[in-house]
N, C-alpha and C. Protein backbone atom coordinates (compact mmCIF):
# COMPACT_ATOMS: atom_id res chain seq x y z
N MET A 1 41.38 -56.96 11.05
CA MET A 1 42.11 -56.21 12.33
C MET A 1 41.80 -55.27 13.20
N VAL A 2 42.18 -54.74 14.31
CA VAL A 2 41.53 -54.13 15.19
C VAL A 2 43.29 -52.78 14.69
N ASN A 3 42.44 -51.60 14.98
CA ASN A 3 43.29 -50.76 15.10
C ASN A 3 44.41 -50.61 16.46
N PRO A 4 45.73 -50.66 16.14
CA PRO A 4 46.56 -50.27 17.36
C PRO A 4 46.16 -49.55 17.58
N VAL A 5 45.78 -48.10 17.83
CA VAL A 5 45.14 -47.04 19.03
C VAL A 5 43.93 -47.53 19.62
N ASP A 6 42.96 -48.69 19.04
CA ASP A 6 42.00 -48.37 19.91
C ASP A 6 42.16 -49.53 20.88
N PHE A 7 43.35 -50.03 21.11
CA PHE A 7 43.56 -50.77 22.09
C PHE A 7 43.71 -50.28 23.56
N GLU A 8 43.27 -50.73 24.94
CA GLU A 8 43.39 -50.60 26.06
C GLU A 8 44.40 -51.36 26.80
N ILE A 9 45.56 -50.95 27.21
CA ILE A 9 46.44 -52.04 27.88
C ILE A 9 46.16 -51.66 29.37
N SER A 10 46.31 -52.83 30.04
CA SER A 10 46.44 -52.71 31.78
C SER A 10 46.59 -54.06 32.18
N GLY A 11 46.53 -54.08 33.59
CA GLY A 11 47.15 -55.04 33.64
C GLY A 11 47.54 -55.37 35.47
N TRP A 12 47.89 -56.24 36.42
CA TRP A 12 47.89 -56.18 37.31
C TRP A 12 49.42 -56.72 37.81
N ASP A 13 49.93 -56.10 39.14
CA ASP A 13 51.64 -56.36 39.31
C ASP A 13 52.06 -55.72 40.44
N ILE A 14 52.42 -56.74 41.23
CA ILE A 14 52.61 -56.53 42.55
C ILE A 14 53.49 -55.77 42.88
N ASN A 15 54.33 -54.89 42.11
CA ASN A 15 55.10 -53.42 42.25
C ASN A 15 54.22 -52.38 41.54
N SER A 16 53.80 -50.84 41.90
CA SER A 16 53.14 -49.95 41.45
C SER A 16 53.76 -49.15 40.52
N ALA A 17 55.26 -49.84 40.63
CA ALA A 17 55.59 -48.93 38.90
C ALA A 17 54.57 -48.86 37.86
N ASP A 18 55.45 -48.14 37.21
CA ASP A 18 54.67 -47.22 35.64
C ASP A 18 55.11 -48.48 34.43
N ILE A 19 54.27 -48.52 33.81
CA ILE A 19 55.57 -49.82 32.75
C ILE A 19 56.49 -49.43 32.56
N TYR A 20 56.89 -48.24 31.92
CA TYR A 20 58.09 -47.32 31.61
C TYR A 20 59.15 -48.11 31.89
N THR A 21 58.65 -47.54 33.35
CA THR A 21 60.14 -48.03 34.88
C THR A 21 60.00 -49.65 34.78
N ALA A 22 59.38 -50.33 34.93
CA ALA A 22 59.18 -51.80 34.90
C ALA A 22 59.73 -52.54 33.59
N CYS A 23 59.39 -52.03 32.62
CA CYS A 23 59.95 -52.29 31.73
C CYS A 23 61.64 -52.16 31.30
N LYS A 24 62.41 -50.75 31.53
CA LYS A 24 63.44 -50.25 31.29
C LYS A 24 63.77 -51.53 32.78
N ARG A 25 63.64 -51.45 34.14
CA ARG A 25 64.13 -52.18 35.15
C ARG A 25 64.73 -53.80 34.62
N SER A 26 63.47 -54.19 33.87
CA SER A 26 63.70 -55.34 33.89
C SER A 26 64.28 -56.23 32.58
N HIS A 27 64.55 -54.46 31.71
CA HIS A 27 64.91 -54.40 30.40
C HIS A 27 64.55 -55.54 29.25
N VAL A 28 63.11 -55.48 28.81
CA VAL A 28 62.39 -56.44 28.28
C VAL A 28 61.42 -56.03 27.35
N LEU A 29 62.48 -54.60 26.93
CA LEU A 29 62.21 -53.99 25.39
C LEU A 29 63.42 -53.35 25.44
N GLU A 30 63.72 -53.36 23.87
CA GLU A 30 64.94 -52.43 22.94
C GLU A 30 65.28 -51.30 23.43
N PRO A 31 66.36 -50.60 23.86
CA PRO A 31 66.22 -49.58 24.45
C PRO A 31 65.60 -48.07 23.47
N THR A 32 66.17 -47.97 22.14
CA THR A 32 65.41 -47.40 21.60
C THR A 32 63.63 -47.40 21.59
N LEU A 33 63.23 -47.90 21.49
CA LEU A 33 62.04 -48.69 20.61
C LEU A 33 60.91 -48.34 23.07
N LEU A 34 61.60 -49.03 23.84
CA LEU A 34 61.51 -48.01 25.41
C LEU A 34 61.66 -46.94 25.80
N ASN A 35 62.43 -45.92 24.85
CA ASN A 35 62.52 -44.40 24.59
C ASN A 35 60.98 -43.58 24.02
N ALA A 36 61.36 -45.04 22.73
CA ALA A 36 60.45 -43.61 21.60
C ALA A 36 59.12 -43.97 22.46
N LEU A 37 58.83 -44.99 22.79
CA LEU A 37 57.46 -45.46 24.04
C LEU A 37 57.38 -44.63 25.32
N LYS A 38 58.01 -44.10 25.96
CA LYS A 38 58.31 -43.78 27.36
C LYS A 38 57.02 -42.37 27.42
N GLU A 39 56.66 -41.75 26.89
CA GLU A 39 55.65 -40.99 27.18
C GLU A 39 54.02 -41.64 27.32
N ASP A 40 54.11 -43.04 26.59
CA ASP A 40 52.66 -43.44 26.89
C ASP A 40 52.74 -44.66 27.77
N LEU A 41 54.19 -45.16 28.32
CA LEU A 41 54.12 -45.99 29.27
C LEU A 41 53.81 -45.13 30.22
N GLU A 42 54.96 -44.66 30.98
CA GLU A 42 54.78 -43.45 31.53
C GLU A 42 53.48 -43.83 32.40
N LYS A 43 52.26 -43.59 31.52
CA LYS A 43 50.93 -43.39 32.52
C LYS A 43 50.33 -44.48 32.18
N ILE A 44 50.67 -45.61 32.48
CA ILE A 44 50.44 -46.88 32.39
C ILE A 44 50.97 -47.57 33.75
N LYS A 45 49.68 -47.86 34.99
CA LYS A 45 50.01 -47.75 36.24
C LYS A 45 49.46 -49.47 36.45
N PRO A 46 50.04 -50.32 37.02
CA PRO A 46 49.32 -51.67 36.97
C PRO A 46 48.41 -51.15 38.75
N LEU A 47 47.83 -52.11 38.15
CA LEU A 47 45.91 -52.08 38.68
C LEU A 47 46.96 -52.92 40.09
N LYS A 48 46.22 -53.46 41.51
CA LYS A 48 46.47 -53.92 42.57
C LYS A 48 46.56 -55.63 42.24
N ALA A 49 47.61 -56.41 42.58
CA ALA A 49 47.62 -57.77 42.52
C ALA A 49 47.24 -58.13 43.61
N ILE A 50 46.69 -60.09 43.14
CA ILE A 50 47.13 -61.10 44.19
C ILE A 50 48.33 -61.78 44.40
N LEU A 51 48.43 -61.47 45.49
CA LEU A 51 49.94 -62.07 46.19
C LEU A 51 49.81 -63.50 46.99
N ASN A 52 50.24 -64.75 46.80
CA ASN A 52 50.51 -65.62 48.01
C ASN A 52 51.97 -65.58 47.92
N PRO A 53 52.69 -65.63 49.47
CA PRO A 53 54.15 -65.33 49.57
C PRO A 53 54.63 -66.80 49.84
N ASP A 54 53.57 -67.33 49.50
CA ASP A 54 54.10 -68.88 49.37
C ASP A 54 55.28 -69.02 47.73
N PHE A 55 54.19 -68.81 47.02
CA PHE A 55 54.52 -68.70 45.48
C PHE A 55 55.31 -67.50 44.87
N ILE A 56 56.21 -66.63 45.95
CA ILE A 56 56.87 -65.51 44.80
C ILE A 56 58.42 -65.46 45.22
N ALA A 57 59.18 -65.55 43.97
CA ALA A 57 60.57 -65.85 44.72
C ALA A 57 60.73 -64.84 45.04
N ALA A 58 62.32 -65.32 45.85
CA ALA A 58 63.33 -64.49 46.96
C ALA A 58 63.54 -63.18 46.41
N ASN A 59 63.52 -63.38 45.38
CA ASN A 59 64.53 -61.92 44.98
C ASN A 59 63.58 -61.16 44.55
N GLN A 60 61.96 -60.99 44.36
CA GLN A 60 60.96 -60.28 44.06
C GLN A 60 60.17 -59.41 45.45
N SER A 61 60.34 -60.40 46.66
CA SER A 61 60.16 -59.36 47.78
C SER A 61 60.04 -58.23 47.83
N ASP A 62 61.21 -57.59 47.48
CA ASP A 62 61.47 -56.21 47.88
C ASP A 62 60.39 -55.31 47.46
N ARG A 63 60.39 -55.88 46.39
CA ARG A 63 59.63 -55.38 45.13
C ARG A 63 57.88 -54.83 45.25
N VAL A 64 57.61 -56.03 46.45
CA VAL A 64 55.75 -56.06 46.87
C VAL A 64 55.41 -54.31 47.30
N ASP A 65 55.04 -53.29 46.85
CA ASP A 65 53.92 -52.07 47.04
C ASP A 65 52.46 -51.84 46.68
N ASN A 66 51.63 -52.92 46.08
CA ASN A 66 51.02 -52.86 45.08
C ASN A 66 50.32 -53.98 45.07
N VAL A 67 50.19 -54.47 46.20
CA VAL A 67 49.18 -55.95 46.23
C VAL A 67 47.58 -55.53 46.55
N PHE A 68 46.47 -56.31 47.10
CA PHE A 68 45.28 -56.25 47.32
C PHE A 68 45.02 -57.87 48.45
N ASN A 69 44.84 -57.73 49.45
CA ASN A 69 44.72 -58.50 50.81
C ASN A 69 43.75 -58.70 51.22
N GLY A 70 43.12 -60.05 50.82
CA GLY A 70 41.47 -60.52 51.46
C GLY A 70 41.77 -61.96 51.44
N THR A 71 40.56 -62.02 51.62
CA THR A 71 40.64 -63.92 51.74
C THR A 71 40.27 -64.30 50.22
N ASN A 72 39.95 -65.73 49.84
CA ASN A 72 39.99 -66.13 48.18
C ASN A 72 38.95 -65.69 48.15
N ALA A 73 37.86 -65.86 48.09
CA ALA A 73 37.16 -65.22 47.55
C ALA A 73 36.48 -63.75 47.82
N GLU A 74 37.39 -63.41 48.24
CA GLU A 74 38.12 -61.42 48.10
C GLU A 74 38.41 -61.19 46.70
N CYS A 75 39.26 -62.11 46.78
CA CYS A 75 40.72 -62.28 45.30
C CYS A 75 39.73 -62.33 44.84
N ILE A 76 38.84 -63.37 44.57
CA ILE A 76 38.68 -63.60 43.13
C ILE A 76 37.37 -62.60 42.55
N ALA A 77 36.86 -62.42 43.93
CA ALA A 77 35.20 -60.85 43.16
C ALA A 77 36.77 -59.63 42.82
N LYS A 78 37.64 -59.46 43.86
CA LYS A 78 38.26 -58.25 42.93
C LYS A 78 38.69 -58.24 41.53
N ILE A 79 39.62 -59.68 41.28
CA ILE A 79 40.38 -59.79 39.62
C ILE A 79 38.69 -59.96 38.81
N ARG A 80 37.49 -60.40 39.62
CA ARG A 80 36.45 -60.04 38.33
C ARG A 80 35.83 -58.74 38.24
N LYS A 81 36.23 -58.14 39.33
CA LYS A 81 35.48 -56.63 38.97
C LYS A 81 36.05 -55.70 38.29
N ASP A 82 37.33 -56.09 38.54
CA ASP A 82 38.71 -55.61 37.12
C ASP A 82 38.47 -55.68 36.10
N ILE A 83 37.76 -57.21 35.77
CA ILE A 83 38.02 -57.57 34.40
C ILE A 83 36.68 -56.88 34.18
N GLN A 84 35.18 -56.57 34.90
CA GLN A 84 34.20 -55.87 34.46
C GLN A 84 34.12 -54.72 34.24
N ASP A 85 35.11 -53.63 34.98
CA ASP A 85 35.82 -52.20 34.58
C ASP A 85 36.33 -52.25 33.30
N MET A 86 36.80 -53.13 32.88
CA MET A 86 37.58 -53.35 31.50
C MET A 86 36.77 -53.16 30.40
N LYS A 87 36.32 -53.99 30.56
CA LYS A 87 34.70 -54.77 29.82
C LYS A 87 33.80 -53.18 29.75
N GLN A 88 33.80 -52.84 30.53
CA GLN A 88 32.86 -51.00 30.16
C GLN A 88 33.50 -50.55 29.47
N LYS A 89 34.71 -50.51 29.22
CA LYS A 89 35.72 -49.47 28.49
C LYS A 89 35.88 -50.21 26.97
N VAL A 90 35.57 -51.58 26.49
CA VAL A 90 36.36 -51.83 25.31
C VAL A 90 35.21 -53.33 24.75
N ASP A 91 35.12 -53.55 23.95
CA ASP A 91 34.78 -54.18 23.27
C ASP A 91 34.68 -55.89 23.77
N LYS A 92 36.46 -56.17 23.82
CA LYS A 92 36.38 -57.45 24.48
C LYS A 92 37.63 -57.59 25.74
N VAL A 93 37.99 -58.33 26.03
CA VAL A 93 39.10 -58.42 26.70
C VAL A 93 39.75 -59.80 27.15
N VAL A 94 40.83 -59.20 27.22
CA VAL A 94 42.27 -60.29 26.35
C VAL A 94 42.83 -60.35 28.00
N VAL A 95 43.17 -61.69 29.01
CA VAL A 95 44.22 -61.52 29.99
C VAL A 95 44.67 -62.67 29.46
N LEU A 96 46.59 -61.99 29.11
CA LEU A 96 47.53 -62.95 28.99
C LEU A 96 48.21 -63.03 30.87
N TRP A 97 48.41 -63.83 30.34
CA TRP A 97 49.51 -64.11 31.79
C TRP A 97 50.87 -64.18 31.21
N THR A 98 51.67 -63.71 31.86
CA THR A 98 52.87 -63.32 31.55
C THR A 98 54.18 -63.66 32.83
N ALA A 99 53.77 -63.72 34.15
CA ALA A 99 54.76 -63.92 35.01
C ALA A 99 55.25 -64.74 34.58
N ASN A 100 56.90 -63.90 35.64
CA ASN A 100 57.80 -65.01 34.99
C ASN A 100 58.49 -65.46 36.27
N THR A 101 58.47 -65.37 37.47
CA THR A 101 58.93 -64.88 38.57
C THR A 101 58.55 -65.73 39.75
N GLU A 102 57.76 -66.61 39.48
CA GLU A 102 57.39 -67.98 40.25
C GLU A 102 58.95 -68.41 41.19
N MET A 103 58.35 -68.79 42.21
CA MET A 103 59.27 -69.85 43.13
C MET A 103 59.18 -71.22 42.71
N PHE A 104 60.68 -71.63 42.42
CA PHE A 104 60.58 -73.19 41.86
C PHE A 104 60.06 -73.80 42.54
N MET A 105 59.39 -75.10 42.34
CA MET A 105 58.80 -76.07 43.18
C MET A 105 59.06 -77.26 42.55
N LEU A 106 59.67 -78.21 43.55
CA LEU A 106 59.46 -79.63 43.51
C LEU A 106 58.15 -80.17 42.95
N PRO A 107 58.00 -81.15 42.37
CA PRO A 107 56.59 -81.35 42.05
C PRO A 107 56.40 -82.86 43.29
N GLU A 108 55.29 -82.02 44.02
CA GLU A 108 54.98 -83.70 45.22
C GLU A 108 54.85 -85.45 44.57
N LEU A 109 55.77 -85.77 45.03
CA LEU A 109 55.68 -87.78 44.86
C LEU A 109 54.83 -88.14 45.19
């Protein structure tokens, strides 16, 4: 088992708010826990995310201020570099997809 203090937390977001502010805005942590973690969460800033505007929910467009723009190849290279940079800091990198604001789309028939 890994000691919890040995974790490095990072990630991408279309909004530049620190993790404390993002958690508070989204109501994803119980307030007592959020306040207990405030000092640590405020230190975590998201990396620039890749965004395809065709797949973002309408209620999220006003939050977009932290994106990397480029060709598909440049975007893939950027994500790979971010992961490689993290790999320099830790033994293992685990990537979790947690986005939940994609635009609803009907399947093509």
